[in-house]
Amino acid sequence: RNGKVHCKNKIIAKVSRTELADMFMRPAPEKFLKKLLASGEITQEQA
């Protein structure tokens, strides 16, 4: 939207360890994006 990524679905991640915080602070893993693309549950643009 207007040249910016819009996140309709917001997530508050509740964690108690640094390694768990790290995974939520980074983008979605490529392996999951590929599976979701293959199943048609997300679009190429969303990936």
ModelCIF file with pLDDT and N, C-alpha, C, O atoms, coordinates in Angstrom:
data_MODEL
#
_entry.id   MODEL 
#
_entity.id                         1 
_entity.type                       polymer 
_entity.pdbx_number_of_molecules   1 
#
_entity_poly.entity_id                      1 
_entity_poly.type                           'polypeptide(L)' 
_entity_poly.nstd_linkage                   no 
_entity_poly.nstd_monomer                   no 
_entity_poly.pdbx_seq_one_letter_code       RNGKVHCKNKIIAKVSRTELADMFMRPAPEKFLKKLLASGEITQEQA 
_entity_poly.pdbx_seq_one_letter_code_can   RNGKVHCKNKIIAKVSRTELADMFMRPAPEKFLKKLLASGEITQEQA 
_entity_poly.pdbx_strand_id                 A 
#
loop_
_entity_poly_seq.entity_id 
_entity_poly_seq.num 
_entity_poly_seq.mon_id 
_entity_poly_seq.hetero 
1 1  ARG n 
1 2  ASN n 
1 3  GLY n 
1 4  LYS n 
1 5  VAL n 
1 6  HIS n 
1 7  CYS n 
1 8  LYS n 
1 9  ASN n 
1 10 LYS n 
1 11 ILE n 
1 12 ILE n 
1 13 ALA n 
1 14 LYS n 
1 15 VAL n 
1 16 SER n 
1 17 ARG n 
1 18 THR n 
1 19 GLU n 
1 20 LEU n 
1 21 ALA n 
1 22 ASP n 
1 23 MET n 
1 24 PHE n 
1 25 MET n 
1 26 ARG n 
1 27 PRO n 
1 28 ALA n 
1 29 PRO n 
1 30 GLU n 
1 31 LYS n 
1 32 PHE n 
1 33 LEU n 
1 34 LYS n 
1 35 LYS n 
1 36 LEU n 
1 37 LEU n 
1 38 ALA n 
1 39 SER n 
1 40 GLY n 
1 41 GLU n 
1 42 ILE n 
1 43 THR n 
1 44 GLN n 
1 45 GLU n 
1 46 GLN n 
1 47 ALA n 
#
_struct_asym.id          A 
_struct_asym.entity_id   1 
#
loop_
_ma_qa_metric.id 
_ma_qa_metric.mode 
_ma_qa_metric.name 
_ma_qa_metric.software_group_id 
_ma_qa_metric.type 
1 global pLDDT . pLDDT 
2 local  pLDDT . pLDDT 
#
_ma_qa_metric_global.metric_id      1 
_ma_qa_metric_global.metric_value   97.11 
_ma_qa_metric_global.model_id       1 
_ma_qa_metric_global.ordinal_id     1 
#
loop_
_ma_qa_metric_local.label_asym_id 
_ma_qa_metric_local.label_comp_id 
_ma_qa_metric_local.label_seq_id 
_ma_qa_metric_local.metric_id 
_ma_qa_metric_local.metric_value 
_ma_qa_metric_local.model_id 
_ma_qa_metric_local.ordinal_id 
A ARG 1  2 94.00 1 1  
A ASN 2  2 92.00 1 2  
A GLY 3  2 92.00 1 3  
A LYS 4  2 95.00 1 4  
A VAL 5  2 97.00 1 5  
A HIS 6  2 97.00 1 6  
A CYS 7  2 97.00 1 7  
A LYS 8  2 97.00 1 8  
A ASN 9  2 98.00 1 9  
A LYS 10 2 98.00 1 10 
A ILE 11 2 98.00 1 11 
A ILE 12 2 98.00 1 12 
A ALA 13 2 98.00 1 13 
A LYS 14 2 97.00 1 14 
A VAL 15 2 97.00 1 15 
A SER 16 2 95.00 1 16 
A ARG 17 2 96.00 1 17 
A THR 18 2 97.00 1 18 
A GLU 19 2 97.00 1 19 
A LEU 20 2 97.00 1 20 
A ALA 21 2 98.00 1 21 
A ASP 22 2 98.00 1 22 
A MET 23 2 98.00 1 23 
A PHE 24 2 98.00 1 24 
A MET 25 2 98.00 1 25 
A ARG 26 2 98.00 1 26 
A PRO 27 2 98.00 1 27 
A ALA 28 2 98.00 1 28 
A PRO 29 2 98.00 1 29 
A GLU 30 2 97.00 1 30 
A LYS 31 2 97.00 1 31 
A PHE 32 2 98.00 1 32 
A LEU 33 2 98.00 1 33 
A LYS 34 2 98.00 1 34 
A LYS 35 2 98.00 1 35 
A LEU 36 2 98.00 1 36 
A LEU 37 2 98.00 1 37 
A ALA 38 2 97.00 1 38 
A SER 39 2 97.00 1 39 
A GLY 40 2 97.00 1 40 
A GLU 41 2 97.00 1 41 
A ILE 42 2 98.00 1 42 
A THR 43 2 97.00 1 43 
A GLN 44 2 97.00 1 44 
A GLU 45 2 97.00 1 45 
A GLN 46 2 98.00 1 46 
A ALA 47 2 98.00 1 47 
#
loop_
_atom_site.group_PDB 
_atom_site.id 
_atom_site.type_symbol 
_atom_site.label_atom_id 
_atom_site.label_alt_id 
_atom_site.label_comp_id 
_atom_site.label_asym_id 
_atom_site.label_entity_id 
_atom_site.label_seq_id 
_atom_site.pdbx_PDB_ins_code 
_atom_site.Cartn_x 
_atom_site.Cartn_y 
_atom_site.Cartn_z 
_atom_site.occupancy 
_atom_site.B_iso_or_equiv 
_atom_site.pdbx_formal_charge 
_atom_site.auth_seq_id 
_atom_site.auth_comp_id 
_atom_site.auth_asym_id 
_atom_site.auth_atom_id 
_atom_site.pdbx_PDB_model_num 
ATOM 1   N N  . ARG A 1 1  ? 0.839  -1.196  0.000  1.00 94.00 ? 1  ARG A N  1 
ATOM 2   C CA . ARG A 1 1  ? 0.000  0.000   0.000  1.00 94.00 ? 1  ARG A CA 1 
ATOM 3   C C  . ARG A 1 1  ? 0.870  1.240   0.000  1.00 94.00 ? 1  ARG A C  1 
ATOM 4   O O  . ARG A 1 1  ? 1.725  1.421   0.867  1.00 94.00 ? 1  ARG A O  1 
ATOM 5   N N  . ASN A 1 2  ? 0.640  2.079   -0.975 1.00 92.00 ? 2  ASN A N  1 
ATOM 6   C CA . ASN A 1 2  ? 1.378  3.351   -1.061 1.00 92.00 ? 2  ASN A CA 1 
ATOM 7   C C  . ASN A 1 2  ? 2.887  3.153   -0.955 1.00 92.00 ? 2  ASN A C  1 
ATOM 8   O O  . ASN A 1 2  ? 3.593  3.923   -0.306 1.00 92.00 ? 2  ASN A O  1 
ATOM 9   N N  . GLY A 1 3  ? 3.352  2.104   -1.608 1.00 92.00 ? 3  GLY A N  1 
ATOM 10  C CA . GLY A 1 3  ? 4.785  1.847   -1.628 1.00 92.00 ? 3  GLY A CA 1 
ATOM 11  C C  . GLY A 1 3  ? 5.337  1.223   -0.369 1.00 92.00 ? 3  GLY A C  1 
ATOM 12  O O  . GLY A 1 3  ? 6.554  1.102   -0.232 1.00 92.00 ? 3  GLY A O  1 
ATOM 13  N N  . LYS A 1 4  ? 4.468  0.815   0.574  1.00 95.00 ? 4  LYS A N  1 
ATOM 14  C CA . LYS A 1 4  ? 4.915  0.207   1.818  1.00 95.00 ? 4  LYS A CA 1 
ATOM 15  C C  . LYS A 1 4  ? 4.236  -1.135  2.013  1.00 95.00 ? 4  LYS A C  1 
ATOM 16  O O  . LYS A 1 4  ? 3.108  -1.348  1.567  1.00 95.00 ? 4  LYS A O  1 
ATOM 17  N N  . VAL A 1 5  ? 4.941  -2.044  2.690  1.00 97.00 ? 5  VAL A N  1 
ATOM 18  C CA . VAL A 1 5  ? 4.350  -3.352  3.001  1.00 97.00 ? 5  VAL A CA 1 
ATOM 19  C C  . VAL A 1 5  ? 3.320  -3.175  4.111  1.00 97.00 ? 5  VAL A C  1 
ATOM 20  O O  . VAL A 1 5  ? 3.623  -2.641  5.178  1.00 97.00 ? 5  VAL A O  1 
ATOM 21  N N  . HIS A 1 6  ? 2.109  -3.629  3.844  1.00 97.00 ? 6  HIS A N  1 
ATOM 22  C CA . HIS A 1 6  ? 1.040  -3.555  4.842  1.00 97.00 ? 6  HIS A CA 1 
ATOM 23  C C  . HIS A 1 6  ? 0.819  -4.937  5.441  1.00 97.00 ? 6  HIS A C  1 
ATOM 24  O O  . HIS A 1 6  ? 0.573  -5.903  4.718  1.00 97.00 ? 6  HIS A O  1 
ATOM 25  N N  . CYS A 1 7  ? 0.907  -5.028  6.764  1.00 97.00 ? 7  CYS A N  1 
ATOM 26  C CA . CYS A 1 7  ? 0.712  -6.304  7.473  1.00 97.00 ? 7  CYS A CA 1 
ATOM 27  C C  . CYS A 1 7  ? -0.684 -6.306  8.095  1.00 97.00 ? 7  CYS A C  1 
ATOM 28  O O  . CYS A 1 7  ? -0.881 -5.793  9.197  1.00 97.00 ? 7  CYS A O  1 
ATOM 29  N N  . LYS A 1 8  ? -1.635 -6.878  7.393  1.00 97.00 ? 8  LYS A N  1 
ATOM 30  C CA . LYS A 1 8  ? -3.003 -6.928  7.922  1.00 97.00 ? 8  LYS A CA 1 
ATOM 31  C C  . LYS A 1 8  ? -3.062 -7.784  9.178  1.00 97.00 ? 8  LYS A C  1 
ATOM 32  O O  . LYS A 1 8  ? -3.702 -7.412  10.162 1.00 97.00 ? 8  LYS A O  1 
ATOM 33  N N  . ASN A 1 9  ? -2.391 -8.933  9.143  1.00 98.00 ? 9  ASN A N  1 
ATOM 34  C CA . ASN A 1 9  ? -2.406 -9.858  10.269 1.00 98.00 ? 9  ASN A CA 1 
ATOM 35  C C  . ASN A 1 9  ? -1.196 -9.601  11.165 1.00 98.00 ? 9  ASN A C  1 
ATOM 36  O O  . ASN A 1 9  ? -0.066 -9.947  10.822 1.00 98.00 ? 9  ASN A O  1 
ATOM 37  N N  . LYS A 1 10 ? -1.452 -8.995  12.303 1.00 98.00 ? 10 LYS A N  1 
ATOM 38  C CA . LYS A 1 10 ? -0.383 -8.591  13.215 1.00 98.00 ? 10 LYS A CA 1 
ATOM 39  C C  . LYS A 1 10 ? -0.137 -9.687  14.243 1.00 98.00 ? 10 LYS A C  1 
ATOM 40  O O  . LYS A 1 10 ? -1.060 -10.384 14.666 1.00 98.00 ? 10 LYS A O  1 
ATOM 41  N N  . ILE A 1 11 ? 1.112  -9.822  14.632 1.00 98.00 ? 11 ILE A N  1 
ATOM 42  C CA . ILE A 1 11 ? 1.476  -10.845 15.613 1.00 98.00 ? 11 ILE A CA 1 
ATOM 43  C C  . ILE A 1 11 ? 2.246  -10.222 16.768 1.00 98.00 ? 11 ILE A C  1 
ATOM 44  O O  . ILE A 1 11 ? 3.208  -9.480  16.567 1.00 98.00 ? 11 ILE A O  1 
ATOM 45  N N  . ILE A 1 12 ? 1.804  -10.539 17.980 1.00 98.00 ? 12 ILE A N  1 
ATOM 46  C CA . ILE A 1 12 ? 2.571  -10.268 19.192 1.00 98.00 ? 12 ILE A CA 1 
ATOM 47  C C  . ILE A 1 12 ? 3.105  -11.623 19.648 1.00 98.00 ? 12 ILE A C  1 
ATOM 48  O O  . ILE A 1 12 ? 2.330  -12.499 20.031 1.00 98.00 ? 12 ILE A O  1 
ATOM 49  N N  . ALA A 1 13 ? 4.407  -11.796 19.610 1.00 98.00 ? 13 ALA A N  1 
ATOM 50  C CA . ALA A 1 13 ? 5.011  -13.091 19.943 1.00 98.00 ? 13 ALA A CA 1 
ATOM 51  C C  . ALA A 1 13 ? 5.458  -13.101 21.397 1.00 98.00 ? 13 ALA A C  1 
ATOM 52  O O  . ALA A 1 13 ? 6.302  -12.302 21.804 1.00 98.00 ? 13 ALA A O  1 
ATOM 53  N N  . LYS A 1 14 ? 4.893  -13.997 22.162 1.00 97.00 ? 14 LYS A N  1 
ATOM 54  C CA . LYS A 1 14 ? 5.242  -14.111 23.584 1.00 97.00 ? 14 LYS A CA 1 
ATOM 55  C C  . LYS A 1 14 ? 6.377  -15.129 23.730 1.00 97.00 ? 14 LYS A C  1 
ATOM 56  O O  . LYS A 1 14 ? 6.204  -16.302 23.401 1.00 97.00 ? 14 LYS A O  1 
ATOM 57  N N  . VAL A 1 15 ? 7.525  -14.687 24.218 1.00 97.00 ? 15 VAL A N  1 
ATOM 58  C CA . VAL A 1 15 ? 8.701  -15.558 24.320 1.00 97.00 ? 15 VAL A CA 1 
ATOM 59  C C  . VAL A 1 15 ? 9.422  -15.314 25.646 1.00 97.00 ? 15 VAL A C  1 
ATOM 60  O O  . VAL A 1 15 ? 9.226  -14.291 26.301 1.00 97.00 ? 15 VAL A O  1 
ATOM 61  N N  . SER A 1 16 ? 10.256 -16.277 26.021 1.00 95.00 ? 16 SER A N  1 
ATOM 62  C CA . SER A 1 16 ? 11.042 -16.125 27.248 1.00 95.00 ? 16 SER A CA 1 
ATOM 63  C C  . SER A 1 16 ? 12.513 -16.451 27.036 1.00 95.00 ? 16 SER A C  1 
ATOM 64  O O  . SER A 1 16 ? 13.283 -16.542 27.993 1.00 95.00 ? 16 SER A O  1 
ATOM 65  N N  . ARG A 1 17 ? 12.901 -16.628 25.764 1.00 96.00 ? 17 ARG A N  1 
ATOM 66  C CA . ARG A 1 17 ? 14.295 -16.947 25.446 1.00 96.00 ? 17 ARG A CA 1 
ATOM 67  C C  . ARG A 1 17 ? 14.739 -16.132 24.239 1.00 96.00 ? 17 ARG A C  1 
ATOM 68  O O  . ARG A 1 17 ? 13.940 -15.798 23.365 1.00 96.00 ? 17 ARG A O  1 
ATOM 69  N N  . THR A 1 18 ? 16.038 -15.819 24.210 1.00 97.00 ? 18 THR A N  1 
ATOM 70  C CA . THR A 1 18 ? 16.557 -14.983 23.126 1.00 97.00 ? 18 THR A CA 1 
ATOM 71  C C  . THR A 1 18 ? 16.454 -15.676 21.776 1.00 97.00 ? 18 THR A C  1 
ATOM 72  O O  . THR A 1 18 ? 16.154 -15.024 20.777 1.00 97.00 ? 18 THR A O  1 
ATOM 73  N N  . GLU A 1 19 ? 16.696 -16.984 21.723 1.00 97.00 ? 19 GLU A N  1 
ATOM 74  C CA . GLU A 1 19 ? 16.643 -17.671 20.436 1.00 97.00 ? 19 GLU A CA 1 
ATOM 75  C C  . GLU A 1 19 ? 15.223 -17.716 19.872 1.00 97.00 ? 19 GLU A C  1 
ATOM 76  O O  . GLU A 1 19 ? 15.039 -17.747 18.655 1.00 97.00 ? 19 GLU A O  1 
ATOM 77  N N  . LEU A 1 20 ? 14.220 -17.720 20.751 1.00 97.00 ? 20 LEU A N  1 
ATOM 78  C CA . LEU A 1 20 ? 12.839 -17.696 20.292 1.00 97.00 ? 20 LEU A CA 1 
ATOM 79  C C  . LEU A 1 20 ? 12.469 -16.300 19.808 1.00 97.00 ? 20 LEU A C  1 
ATOM 80  O O  . LEU A 1 20 ? 11.744 -16.151 18.825 1.00 97.00 ? 20 LEU A O  1 
ATOM 81  N N  . ALA A 1 21 ? 12.966 -15.284 20.496 1.00 98.00 ? 21 ALA A N  1 
ATOM 82  C CA . ALA A 1 21 ? 12.738 -13.911 20.045 1.00 98.00 ? 21 ALA A CA 1 
ATOM 83  C C  . ALA A 1 21 ? 13.368 -13.695 18.678 1.00 98.00 ? 21 ALA A C  1 
ATOM 84  O O  . ALA A 1 21 ? 12.790 -13.029 17.819 1.00 98.00 ? 21 ALA A O  1 
ATOM 85  N N  . ASP A 1 22 ? 14.564 -14.262 18.477 1.00 98.00 ? 22 ASP A N  1 
ATOM 86  C CA . ASP A 1 22 ? 15.290 -14.108 17.221 1.00 98.00 ? 22 ASP A CA 1 
ATOM 87  C C  . ASP A 1 22 ? 14.458 -14.599 16.033 1.00 98.00 ? 22 ASP A C  1 
ATOM 88  O O  . ASP A 1 22 ? 14.414 -13.938 14.995 1.00 98.00 ? 22 ASP A O  1 
ATOM 89  N N  . MET A 1 23 ? 13.805 -15.743 16.176 1.00 98.00 ? 23 MET A N  1 
ATOM 90  C CA . MET A 1 23 ? 13.073 -16.300 15.031 1.00 98.00 ? 23 MET A CA 1 
ATOM 91  C C  . MET A 1 23 ? 11.849 -15.462 14.676 1.00 98.00 ? 23 MET A C  1 
ATOM 92  O O  . MET A 1 23 ? 11.447 -15.421 13.513 1.00 98.00 ? 23 MET A O  1 
ATOM 93  N N  . PHE A 1 24 ? 11.249 -14.789 15.667 1.00 98.00 ? 24 PHE A N  1 
ATOM 94  C CA . PHE A 1 24 ? 10.104 -13.938 15.370 1.00 98.00 ? 24 PHE A CA 1 
ATOM 95  C C  . PHE A 1 24 ? 10.517 -12.551 14.891 1.00 98.00 ? 24 PHE A C  1 
ATOM 96  O O  . PHE A 1 24 ? 9.714  -11.838 14.289 1.00 98.00 ? 24 PHE A O  1 
ATOM 97  N N  . MET A 1 25 ? 11.768 -12.164 15.154 1.00 98.00 ? 25 MET A N  1 
ATOM 98  C CA . MET A 1 25 ? 12.251 -10.864 14.699 1.00 98.00 ? 25 MET A CA 1 
ATOM 99  C C  . MET A 1 25 ? 12.757 -10.900 13.260 1.00 98.00 ? 25 MET A C  1 
ATOM 100 O O  . MET A 1 25 ? 13.049 -9.858  12.672 1.00 98.00 ? 25 MET A O  1 
ATOM 101 N N  . ARG A 1 26 ? 12.857 -12.084 12.704 1.00 98.00 ? 26 ARG A N  1 
ATOM 102 C CA . ARG A 1 26 ? 13.365 -12.228 11.325 1.00 98.00 ? 26 ARG A CA 1 
ATOM 103 C C  . ARG A 1 26 ? 12.213 -12.566 10.373 1.00 98.00 ? 26 ARG A C  1 
ATOM 104 O O  . ARG A 1 26 ? 11.138 -12.960 10.827 1.00 98.00 ? 26 ARG A O  1 
ATOM 105 N N  . PRO A 1 27 ? 12.421 -12.420 9.067  1.00 98.00 ? 27 PRO A N  1 
ATOM 106 C CA . PRO A 1 27 ? 11.375 -12.760 8.098  1.00 98.00 ? 27 PRO A CA 1 
ATOM 107 C C  . PRO A 1 27 ? 11.027 -14.245 8.135  1.00 98.00 ? 27 PRO A C  1 
ATOM 108 O O  . PRO A 1 27 ? 11.772 -15.058 8.683  1.00 98.00 ? 27 PRO A O  1 
ATOM 109 N N  . ALA A 1 28 ? 9.904  -14.577 7.554  1.00 98.00 ? 28 ALA A N  1 
ATOM 110 C CA . ALA A 1 28 ? 9.451  -15.971 7.503  1.00 98.00 ? 28 ALA A CA 1 
ATOM 111 C C  . ALA A 1 28 ? 10.463 -16.846 6.771  1.00 98.00 ? 28 ALA A C  1 
ATOM 112 O O  . ALA A 1 28 ? 11.007 -16.421 5.751  1.00 98.00 ? 28 ALA A O  1 
ATOM 113 N N  . PRO A 1 29 ? 10.730 -18.050 7.258  1.00 98.00 ? 29 PRO A N  1 
ATOM 114 C CA . PRO A 1 29 ? 11.693 -18.946 6.613  1.00 98.00 ? 29 PRO A CA 1 
ATOM 115 C C  . PRO A 1 29 ? 11.277 -19.321 5.194  1.00 98.00 ? 29 PRO A C  1 
ATOM 116 O O  . PRO A 1 29 ? 10.094 -19.520 4.917  1.00 98.00 ? 29 PRO A O  1 
ATOM 117 N N  . GLU A 1 30 ? 12.240 -19.413 4.316  1.00 97.00 ? 30 GLU A N  1 
ATOM 118 C CA . GLU A 1 30 ? 12.003 -19.721 2.904  1.00 97.00 ? 30 GLU A CA 1 
ATOM 119 C C  . GLU A 1 30 ? 11.314 -21.079 2.732  1.00 97.00 ? 30 GLU A C  1 
ATOM 120 O O  . GLU A 1 30 ? 10.475 -21.238 1.845  1.00 97.00 ? 30 GLU A O  1 
ATOM 121 N N  . LYS A 1 31 ? 11.663 -22.057 3.575  1.00 97.00 ? 31 LYS A N  1 
ATOM 122 C CA . LYS A 1 31 ? 11.100 -23.405 3.401  1.00 97.00 ? 31 LYS A CA 1 
ATOM 123 C C  . LYS A 1 31 ? 9.576  -23.401 3.551  1.00 97.00 ? 31 LYS A C  1 
ATOM 124 O O  . LYS A 1 31 ? 8.878  -24.148 2.866  1.00 97.00 ? 31 LYS A O  1 
ATOM 125 N N  . PHE A 1 32 ? 9.067  -22.555 4.450  1.00 98.00 ? 32 PHE A N  1 
ATOM 126 C CA . PHE A 1 32 ? 7.618  -22.482 4.631  1.00 98.00 ? 32 PHE A CA 1 
ATOM 127 C C  . PHE A 1 32 ? 6.953  -21.717 3.492  1.00 98.00 ? 32 PHE A C  1 
ATOM 128 O O  . PHE A 1 32 ? 5.856  -22.066 3.057  1.00 98.00 ? 32 PHE A O  1 
ATOM 129 N N  . LEU A 1 33 ? 7.619  -20.678 3.015  1.00 98.00 ? 33 LEU A N  1 
ATOM 130 C CA . LEU A 1 33 ? 7.062  -19.904 1.904  1.00 98.00 ? 33 LEU A CA 1 
ATOM 131 C C  . LEU A 1 33 ? 6.890  -20.777 0.662  1.00 98.00 ? 33 LEU A C  1 
ATOM 132 O O  . LEU A 1 33 ? 5.889  -20.675 -0.046 1.00 98.00 ? 33 LEU A O  1 
ATOM 133 N N  . LYS A 1 34 ? 7.875  -21.633 0.410  1.00 98.00 ? 34 LYS A N  1 
ATOM 134 C CA . LYS A 1 34 ? 7.798  -22.524 -0.758 1.00 98.00 ? 34 LYS A CA 1 
ATOM 135 C C  . LYS A 1 34 ? 6.616  -23.479 -0.630 1.00 98.00 ? 34 LYS A C  1 
ATOM 136 O O  . LYS A 1 34 ? 5.889  -23.700 -1.599 1.00 98.00 ? 34 LYS A O  1 
ATOM 137 N N  . LYS A 1 35 ? 6.419  -24.045 0.557  1.00 98.00 ? 35 LYS A N  1 
ATOM 138 C CA . LYS A 1 35 ? 5.308  -24.980 0.770  1.00 98.00 ? 35 LYS A CA 1 
ATOM 139 C C  . LYS A 1 35 ? 3.956  -24.287 0.623  1.00 98.00 ? 35 LYS A C  1 
ATOM 140 O O  . LYS A 1 35 ? 3.028  -24.838 0.031  1.00 98.00 ? 35 LYS A O  1 
ATOM 141 N N  . LEU A 1 36 ? 3.854  -23.082 1.165  1.00 98.00 ? 36 LEU A N  1 
ATOM 142 C CA . LEU A 1 36 ? 2.594  -22.342 1.090  1.00 98.00 ? 36 LEU A CA 1 
ATOM 143 C C  . LEU A 1 36 ? 2.293  -21.898 -0.339 1.00 98.00 ? 36 LEU A C  1 
ATOM 144 O O  . LEU A 1 36 ? 1.133  -21.837 -0.746 1.00 98.00 ? 36 LEU A O  1 
ATOM 145 N N  . LEU A 1 37 ? 3.333  -21.592 -1.087 1.00 98.00 ? 37 LEU A N  1 
ATOM 146 C CA . LEU A 1 37 ? 3.153  -21.255 -2.504 1.00 98.00 ? 37 LEU A CA 1 
ATOM 147 C C  . LEU A 1 37 ? 2.670  -22.478 -3.288 1.00 98.00 ? 37 LEU A C  1 
ATOM 148 O O  . LEU A 1 37 ? 1.772  -22.390 -4.125 1.00 98.00 ? 37 LEU A O  1 
ATOM 149 N N  . ALA A 1 38 ? 3.286  -23.601 -2.995 1.00 97.00 ? 38 ALA A N  1 
ATOM 150 C CA . ALA A 1 38 ? 2.937  -24.842 -3.711 1.00 97.00 ? 38 ALA A CA 1 
ATOM 151 C C  . ALA A 1 38 ? 1.489  -25.257 -3.432 1.00 97.00 ? 38 ALA A C  1 
ATOM 152 O O  . ALA A 1 38 ? 0.813  -25.807 -4.301 1.00 97.00 ? 38 ALA A O  1 
ATOM 153 N N  . SER A 1 39 ? 1.025  -24.986 -2.207 1.00 97.00 ? 39 SER A N  1 
ATOM 154 C CA . SER A 1 39 ? -0.347 -25.357 -1.843 1.00 97.00 ? 39 SER A CA 1 
ATOM 155 C C  . SER A 1 39 ? -1.357 -24.292 -2.240 1.00 97.00 ? 39 SER A C  1 
ATOM 156 O O  . SER A 1 39 ? -2.564 -24.497 -2.110 1.00 97.00 ? 39 SER A O  1 
ATOM 157 N N  . GLY A 1 40 ? -0.866 -23.148 -2.728 1.00 97.00 ? 40 GLY A N  1 
ATOM 158 C CA . GLY A 1 40 ? -1.761 -22.072 -3.155 1.00 97.00 ? 40 GLY A CA 1 
ATOM 159 C C  . GLY A 1 40 ? -2.348 -21.268 -2.015 1.00 97.00 ? 40 GLY A C  1 
ATOM 160 O O  . GLY A 1 40 ? -3.322 -20.542 -2.213 1.00 97.00 ? 40 GLY A O  1 
ATOM 161 N N  . GLU A 1 41 ? -1.775 -21.380 -0.818 1.00 97.00 ? 41 GLU A N  1 
ATOM 162 C CA . GLU A 1 41 ? -2.323 -20.673 0.344  1.00 97.00 ? 41 GLU A CA 1 
ATOM 163 C C  . GLU A 1 41 ? -1.805 -19.238 0.459  1.00 97.00 ? 41 GLU A C  1 
ATOM 164 O O  . GLU A 1 41 ? -2.364 -18.438 1.209  1.00 97.00 ? 41 GLU A O  1 
ATOM 165 N N  . ILE A 1 42 ? -0.742 -18.908 -0.278 1.00 98.00 ? 42 ILE A N  1 
ATOM 166 C CA . ILE A 1 42 ? -0.265 -17.534 -0.391 1.00 98.00 ? 42 ILE A CA 1 
ATOM 167 C C  . ILE A 1 42 ? 0.069  -17.268 -1.859 1.00 98.00 ? 42 ILE A C  1 
ATOM 168 O O  . ILE A 1 42 ? 0.201  -18.198 -2.654 1.00 98.00 ? 42 ILE A O  1 
ATOM 169 N N  . THR A 1 43 ? 0.201  -15.991 -2.203 1.00 97.00 ? 43 THR A N  1 
ATOM 170 C CA . THR A 1 43 ? 0.527  -15.628 -3.592 1.00 97.00 ? 43 THR A CA 1 
ATOM 171 C C  . THR A 1 43 ? 2.026  -15.369 -3.737 1.00 97.00 ? 43 THR A C  1 
ATOM 172 O O  . THR A 1 43 ? 2.757  -15.255 -2.753 1.00 97.00 ? 43 THR A O  1 
ATOM 173 N N  . GLN A 1 44 ? 2.461  -15.281 -4.997 1.00 97.00 ? 44 GLN A N  1 
ATOM 174 C CA . GLN A 1 44 ? 3.870  -14.950 -5.275 1.00 97.00 ? 44 GLN A CA 1 
ATOM 175 C C  . GLN A 1 44 ? 4.224  -13.590 -4.672 1.00 97.00 ? 44 GLN A C  1 
ATOM 176 O O  . GLN A 1 44 ? 5.311  -13.410 -4.123 1.00 97.00 ? 44 GLN A O  1 
ATOM 177 N N  . GLU A 1 45 ? 3.297  -12.638 -4.778 1.00 97.00 ? 45 GLU A N  1 
ATOM 178 C CA . GLU A 1 45 ? 3.547  -11.303 -4.230 1.00 97.00 ? 45 GLU A CA 1 
ATOM 179 C C  . GLU A 1 45 ? 3.698  -11.349 -2.714 1.00 97.00 ? 45 GLU A C  1 
ATOM 180 O O  . GLU A 1 45 ? 4.567  -10.678 -2.159 1.00 97.00 ? 45 GLU A O  1 
ATOM 181 N N  . GLN A 1 46 ? 2.864  -12.130 -2.045 1.00 98.00 ? 46 GLN A N  1 
ATOM 182 C CA . GLN A 1 46 ? 2.957  -12.251 -0.580 1.00 98.00 ? 46 GLN A CA 1 
ATOM 183 C C  . GLN A 1 46 ? 4.257  -12.929 -0.165 1.00 98.00 ? 46 GLN A C  1 
ATOM 184 O O  . GLN A 1 46 ? 4.855  -12.559 0.845  1.00 98.00 ? 46 GLN A O  1 
ATOM 185 N N  . ALA A 1 47 ? 4.694  -13.911 -0.933 1.00 98.00 ? 47 ALA A N  1 
ATOM 186 C CA . ALA A 1 47 ? 5.968  -14.575 -0.639 1.00 98.00 ? 47 ALA A CA 1 
ATOM 187 C C  . ALA A 1 47 ? 7.125  -13.584 -0.771 1.00 98.00 ? 47 ALA A C  1 
ATOM 188 O O  . ALA A 1 47 ? 8.281  -13.954 -0.563 1.00 98.00 ? 47 ALA A O  1 
#
